[in-house]
């Protein structure tokens, strides 16, 4: 889906040592950080702004009686034009770098 956001993974031990830095990175740069346990995703650290967006999507999905994943898939499907290009691609292309 939208994988252009900065993202890095840390073990629980490393995240514990670097917690202050990880929190600052999430807050100030909107970086999304995955904390792993035995090399598998276990938890994530993200900004409050990102969490508010996720909560809003969750509210919409619950009202519709579907999961957020289904909601996002339906949104992406609706956004595709006849050529198979997504409206999201066009929006991204028009944003300043």
N, C-alpha and C. Protein backbone atom coordinates (compact mmCIF):
# COMPACT_ATOMS: atom_id res chain seq x y z
N UNK A 1 0.85 -1.18 0.00
CA UNK A 1 0.00 0.00 0.00
C UNK A 1 0.89 1.24 0.00
N UNK A 2 0.81 2.10 0.99
CA UNK A 2 1.59 3.34 1.02
C UNK A 2 2.87 3.10 1.83
N UNK A 3 3.92 2.68 1.14
CA UNK A 3 5.15 2.29 1.83
C UNK A 3 6.25 3.33 1.73
N UNK A 4 5.94 4.58 1.36
CA UNK A 4 6.96 5.58 1.18
C UNK A 4 7.37 6.28 2.48
N UNK A 5 6.72 5.93 3.58
CA UNK A 5 7.02 6.56 4.86
C UNK A 5 8.28 5.93 5.44
N UNK A 6 9.14 6.78 6.03
CA UNK A 6 10.36 6.26 6.66
C UNK A 6 9.99 5.21 7.69
N UNK A 7 10.73 4.11 7.70
CA UNK A 7 10.39 3.00 8.57
C UNK A 7 11.65 2.24 8.93
N UNK A 8 11.79 1.90 10.20
CA UNK A 8 12.94 1.15 10.66
C UNK A 8 12.50 0.20 11.76
N UNK A 9 13.24 -0.90 11.93
CA UNK A 9 12.91 -1.88 12.96
C UNK A 9 14.01 -1.96 14.01
N UNK A 10 13.59 -2.20 15.26
CA UNK A 10 14.50 -2.35 16.39
C UNK A 10 14.04 -3.51 17.25
N UNK A 11 14.99 -4.26 17.78
CA UNK A 11 14.64 -5.31 18.74
C UNK A 11 14.14 -4.63 20.01
N UNK A 12 13.46 -5.38 20.86
CA UNK A 12 12.97 -4.82 22.12
C UNK A 12 14.13 -4.25 22.93
N UNK A 13 15.24 -4.99 23.01
CA UNK A 13 16.40 -4.52 23.78
C UNK A 13 16.95 -3.22 23.23
N UNK A 14 17.09 -3.13 21.90
CA UNK A 14 17.60 -1.90 21.28
C UNK A 14 16.60 -0.75 21.46
N UNK A 15 15.32 -1.05 21.31
CA UNK A 15 14.30 -0.01 21.49
C UNK A 15 14.32 0.53 22.92
N UNK A 16 14.52 -0.35 23.88
CA UNK A 16 14.58 0.08 25.28
C UNK A 16 15.75 1.06 25.49
N UNK A 17 16.92 0.73 24.90
CA UNK A 17 18.09 1.60 25.03
C UNK A 17 17.91 2.93 24.30
N UNK A 18 17.20 2.89 23.19
CA UNK A 18 17.06 4.07 22.32
C UNK A 18 15.69 4.74 22.43
N UNK A 19 14.92 4.43 23.46
CA UNK A 19 13.52 4.87 23.54
C UNK A 19 13.35 6.37 23.33
N UNK A 20 14.12 7.18 24.00
CA UNK A 20 14.00 8.63 23.85
C UNK A 20 14.19 9.08 22.42
N UNK A 21 15.21 8.55 21.76
CA UNK A 21 15.49 8.89 20.37
C UNK A 21 14.35 8.41 19.46
N UNK A 22 13.86 7.20 19.70
CA UNK A 22 12.78 6.66 18.87
C UNK A 22 11.51 7.49 19.00
N UNK A 23 11.20 7.90 20.21
CA UNK A 23 10.02 8.74 20.43
C UNK A 23 10.16 10.08 19.72
N UNK A 24 11.34 10.69 19.80
CA UNK A 24 11.59 11.95 19.10
C UNK A 24 11.47 11.78 17.59
N UNK A 25 12.02 10.70 17.07
CA UNK A 25 11.95 10.46 15.62
C UNK A 25 10.49 10.30 15.18
N UNK A 26 9.71 9.57 15.95
CA UNK A 26 8.30 9.39 15.60
C UNK A 26 7.57 10.73 15.65
N UNK A 27 7.82 11.50 16.68
CA UNK A 27 7.12 12.78 16.86
C UNK A 27 7.54 13.83 15.84
N UNK A 28 8.84 14.03 15.69
CA UNK A 28 9.32 15.16 14.87
C UNK A 28 9.44 14.85 13.39
N UNK A 29 9.63 13.59 13.02
CA UNK A 29 9.82 13.27 11.60
C UNK A 29 8.73 12.34 11.06
N UNK A 30 7.75 12.02 11.90
CA UNK A 30 6.67 11.09 11.52
C UNK A 30 7.18 9.73 11.08
N UNK A 31 8.37 9.37 11.54
CA UNK A 31 8.91 8.04 11.22
C UNK A 31 8.11 6.98 11.96
N UNK A 32 7.86 5.88 11.30
CA UNK A 32 7.17 4.74 11.93
C UNK A 32 8.20 3.68 12.26
N UNK A 33 8.19 3.24 13.48
CA UNK A 33 9.22 2.32 13.96
C UNK A 33 8.55 1.04 14.43
N UNK A 34 9.09 -0.09 13.97
CA UNK A 34 8.60 -1.39 14.39
C UNK A 34 9.54 -1.96 15.44
N UNK A 35 8.97 -2.43 16.53
CA UNK A 35 9.74 -3.10 17.57
C UNK A 35 9.52 -4.60 17.35
N UNK A 36 10.63 -5.34 17.29
CA UNK A 36 10.54 -6.76 17.00
C UNK A 36 10.87 -7.60 18.23
N UNK A 37 10.30 -8.79 18.26
CA UNK A 37 10.59 -9.77 19.30
C UNK A 37 10.88 -11.08 18.58
N UNK A 38 12.09 -11.57 18.77
CA UNK A 38 12.54 -12.77 18.06
C UNK A 38 12.41 -12.58 16.54
N UNK A 39 12.82 -11.39 16.09
CA UNK A 39 12.84 -11.03 14.66
C UNK A 39 11.47 -10.96 14.00
N UNK A 40 10.40 -10.89 14.80
CA UNK A 40 9.05 -10.74 14.25
C UNK A 40 8.44 -9.45 14.78
N UNK A 41 7.65 -8.74 13.95
CA UNK A 41 7.02 -7.50 14.43
C UNK A 41 6.20 -7.77 15.69
N UNK A 42 6.40 -6.90 16.68
CA UNK A 42 5.75 -7.07 17.98
C UNK A 42 4.91 -5.86 18.37
N UNK A 43 5.44 -4.66 18.09
CA UNK A 43 4.75 -3.41 18.43
C UNK A 43 5.28 -2.32 17.51
N UNK A 44 4.62 -1.17 17.55
CA UNK A 44 5.10 -0.06 16.73
C UNK A 44 5.09 1.24 17.51
N UNK A 45 5.92 2.16 17.07
CA UNK A 45 5.99 3.50 17.63
C UNK A 45 5.69 4.45 16.48
N UNK A 46 4.69 5.30 16.67
CA UNK A 46 4.34 6.28 15.65
C UNK A 46 3.89 7.57 16.33
N UNK A 47 3.75 8.61 15.54
CA UNK A 47 3.38 9.91 16.09
C UNK A 47 1.91 9.92 16.52
N UNK A 48 1.56 10.86 17.38
CA UNK A 48 0.17 11.03 17.81
C UNK A 48 -0.69 11.36 16.59
N UNK A 49 -0.16 12.17 15.68
CA UNK A 49 -0.90 12.52 14.47
C UNK A 49 -1.25 11.27 13.66
N UNK A 50 -0.28 10.37 13.47
CA UNK A 50 -0.54 9.12 12.77
C UNK A 50 -1.58 8.29 13.52
N UNK A 51 -1.48 8.24 14.83
CA UNK A 51 -2.45 7.47 15.62
C UNK A 51 -3.86 8.04 15.49
N UNK A 52 -3.97 9.35 15.46
CA UNK A 52 -5.28 9.98 15.28
C UNK A 52 -5.88 9.61 13.93
N UNK A 53 -5.04 9.58 12.90
CA UNK A 53 -5.51 9.18 11.58
C UNK A 53 -5.97 7.72 11.58
N UNK A 54 -5.20 6.86 12.22
CA UNK A 54 -5.58 5.45 12.30
C UNK A 54 -6.88 5.27 13.09
N UNK A 55 -7.03 6.02 14.17
CA UNK A 55 -8.25 5.95 14.97
C UNK A 55 -9.47 6.40 14.16
N UNK A 56 -9.29 7.43 13.35
CA UNK A 56 -10.38 7.94 12.52
C UNK A 56 -10.80 6.89 11.48
N UNK A 57 -9.81 6.27 10.83
CA UNK A 57 -10.11 5.21 9.87
C UNK A 57 -10.82 4.05 10.56
N UNK A 58 -10.39 3.73 11.77
CA UNK A 58 -11.01 2.65 12.53
C UNK A 58 -12.47 2.98 12.84
N UNK A 59 -12.75 4.22 13.21
CA UNK A 59 -14.13 4.64 13.49
C UNK A 59 -15.01 4.47 12.25
N UNK A 60 -14.51 4.91 11.11
CA UNK A 60 -15.28 4.79 9.87
C UNK A 60 -15.54 3.33 9.55
N UNK A 61 -14.50 2.50 9.65
CA UNK A 61 -14.64 1.08 9.34
C UNK A 61 -15.65 0.41 10.27
N UNK A 62 -15.59 0.75 11.56
CA UNK A 62 -16.53 0.15 12.52
C UNK A 62 -17.97 0.54 12.18
N UNK A 63 -18.18 1.80 11.80
CA UNK A 63 -19.53 2.24 11.42
C UNK A 63 -20.04 1.47 10.21
N UNK A 64 -19.13 1.09 9.33
CA UNK A 64 -19.51 0.34 8.13
C UNK A 64 -19.54 -1.17 8.38
N UNK A 65 -19.07 -1.58 9.54
CA UNK A 65 -19.04 -3.00 9.88
C UNK A 65 -17.98 -3.79 9.15
N UNK A 66 -16.85 -3.12 8.83
CA UNK A 66 -15.75 -3.77 8.13
C UNK A 66 -14.44 -3.46 8.84
N UNK A 67 -13.36 -4.10 8.41
CA UNK A 67 -12.05 -3.81 8.99
C UNK A 67 -11.41 -2.62 8.26
N UNK A 68 -10.40 -2.02 8.87
CA UNK A 68 -9.67 -0.92 8.23
C UNK A 68 -9.03 -1.40 6.93
N UNK A 69 -8.50 -2.62 6.94
CA UNK A 69 -7.88 -3.16 5.73
C UNK A 69 -8.88 -3.23 4.58
N UNK A 70 -10.09 -3.70 4.85
CA UNK A 70 -11.13 -3.77 3.81
C UNK A 70 -11.49 -2.36 3.36
N UNK A 71 -11.62 -1.42 4.29
CA UNK A 71 -11.93 -0.03 3.96
C UNK A 71 -10.87 0.55 3.01
N UNK A 72 -9.60 0.37 3.35
CA UNK A 72 -8.53 0.91 2.51
C UNK A 72 -8.50 0.25 1.14
N UNK A 73 -8.74 -1.05 1.08
CA UNK A 73 -8.79 -1.74 -0.21
C UNK A 73 -9.92 -1.21 -1.07
N UNK A 74 -11.09 -0.98 -0.46
CA UNK A 74 -12.23 -0.45 -1.21
C UNK A 74 -11.94 0.97 -1.68
N UNK A 75 -11.30 1.77 -0.84
CA UNK A 75 -10.96 3.14 -1.24
C UNK A 75 -10.00 3.13 -2.42
N UNK A 76 -8.99 2.26 -2.37
CA UNK A 76 -8.03 2.17 -3.46
C UNK A 76 -8.71 1.70 -4.74
N UNK A 77 -9.61 0.74 -4.62
CA UNK A 77 -10.33 0.23 -5.79
C UNK A 77 -11.18 1.34 -6.41
N UNK A 78 -11.88 2.11 -5.59
CA UNK A 78 -12.71 3.20 -6.09
C UNK A 78 -11.88 4.29 -6.74
N UNK A 79 -10.64 4.45 -6.30
CA UNK A 79 -9.78 5.52 -6.79
C UNK A 79 -9.12 5.19 -8.12
N UNK A 80 -9.17 3.93 -8.56
CA UNK A 80 -8.53 3.57 -9.82
C UNK A 80 -9.35 4.05 -11.01
N UNK A 81 -8.64 4.56 -12.00
CA UNK A 81 -9.34 4.97 -13.22
C UNK A 81 -9.29 3.85 -14.24
N UNK A 82 -9.78 4.09 -15.44
CA UNK A 82 -9.88 3.03 -16.46
C UNK A 82 -8.52 2.50 -16.90
N UNK A 83 -7.48 3.28 -16.78
CA UNK A 83 -6.15 2.84 -17.22
C UNK A 83 -5.42 2.05 -16.14
N UNK A 84 -6.05 1.84 -15.01
CA UNK A 84 -5.41 1.10 -13.93
C UNK A 84 -4.53 1.94 -13.03
N UNK A 85 -4.39 3.22 -13.38
CA UNK A 85 -3.63 4.12 -12.51
C UNK A 85 -4.51 4.55 -11.35
N UNK A 86 -3.91 4.75 -10.23
CA UNK A 86 -4.66 5.15 -9.04
C UNK A 86 -4.68 6.67 -8.93
N UNK A 87 -5.79 7.18 -8.42
CA UNK A 87 -5.87 8.62 -8.13
C UNK A 87 -4.80 8.98 -7.12
N UNK A 88 -4.47 8.03 -6.22
CA UNK A 88 -3.42 8.29 -5.23
C UNK A 88 -2.09 8.56 -5.92
N UNK A 89 -1.79 7.86 -7.03
CA UNK A 89 -0.57 8.10 -7.79
C UNK A 89 -0.53 9.52 -8.34
N UNK A 90 -1.67 9.97 -8.85
CA UNK A 90 -1.75 11.32 -9.41
C UNK A 90 -1.59 12.38 -8.32
N UNK A 91 -2.18 12.14 -7.18
CA UNK A 91 -2.05 13.08 -6.07
C UNK A 91 -0.60 13.14 -5.63
N UNK A 92 0.05 11.99 -5.50
CA UNK A 92 1.46 11.96 -5.10
C UNK A 92 2.34 12.67 -6.10
N UNK A 93 2.05 12.50 -7.38
CA UNK A 93 2.86 13.12 -8.42
C UNK A 93 2.72 14.63 -8.42
N UNK A 94 1.56 15.14 -7.96
CA UNK A 94 1.33 16.58 -7.97
C UNK A 94 1.83 17.29 -6.71
N UNK A 95 2.21 16.52 -5.68
CA UNK A 95 2.70 17.13 -4.45
C UNK A 95 4.14 17.58 -4.62
N UNK A 96 4.49 18.73 -4.07
CA UNK A 96 5.88 19.18 -4.14
C UNK A 96 6.78 18.26 -3.33
N UNK A 97 7.97 18.03 -3.82
CA UNK A 97 8.92 17.13 -3.14
C UNK A 97 9.50 17.73 -1.90
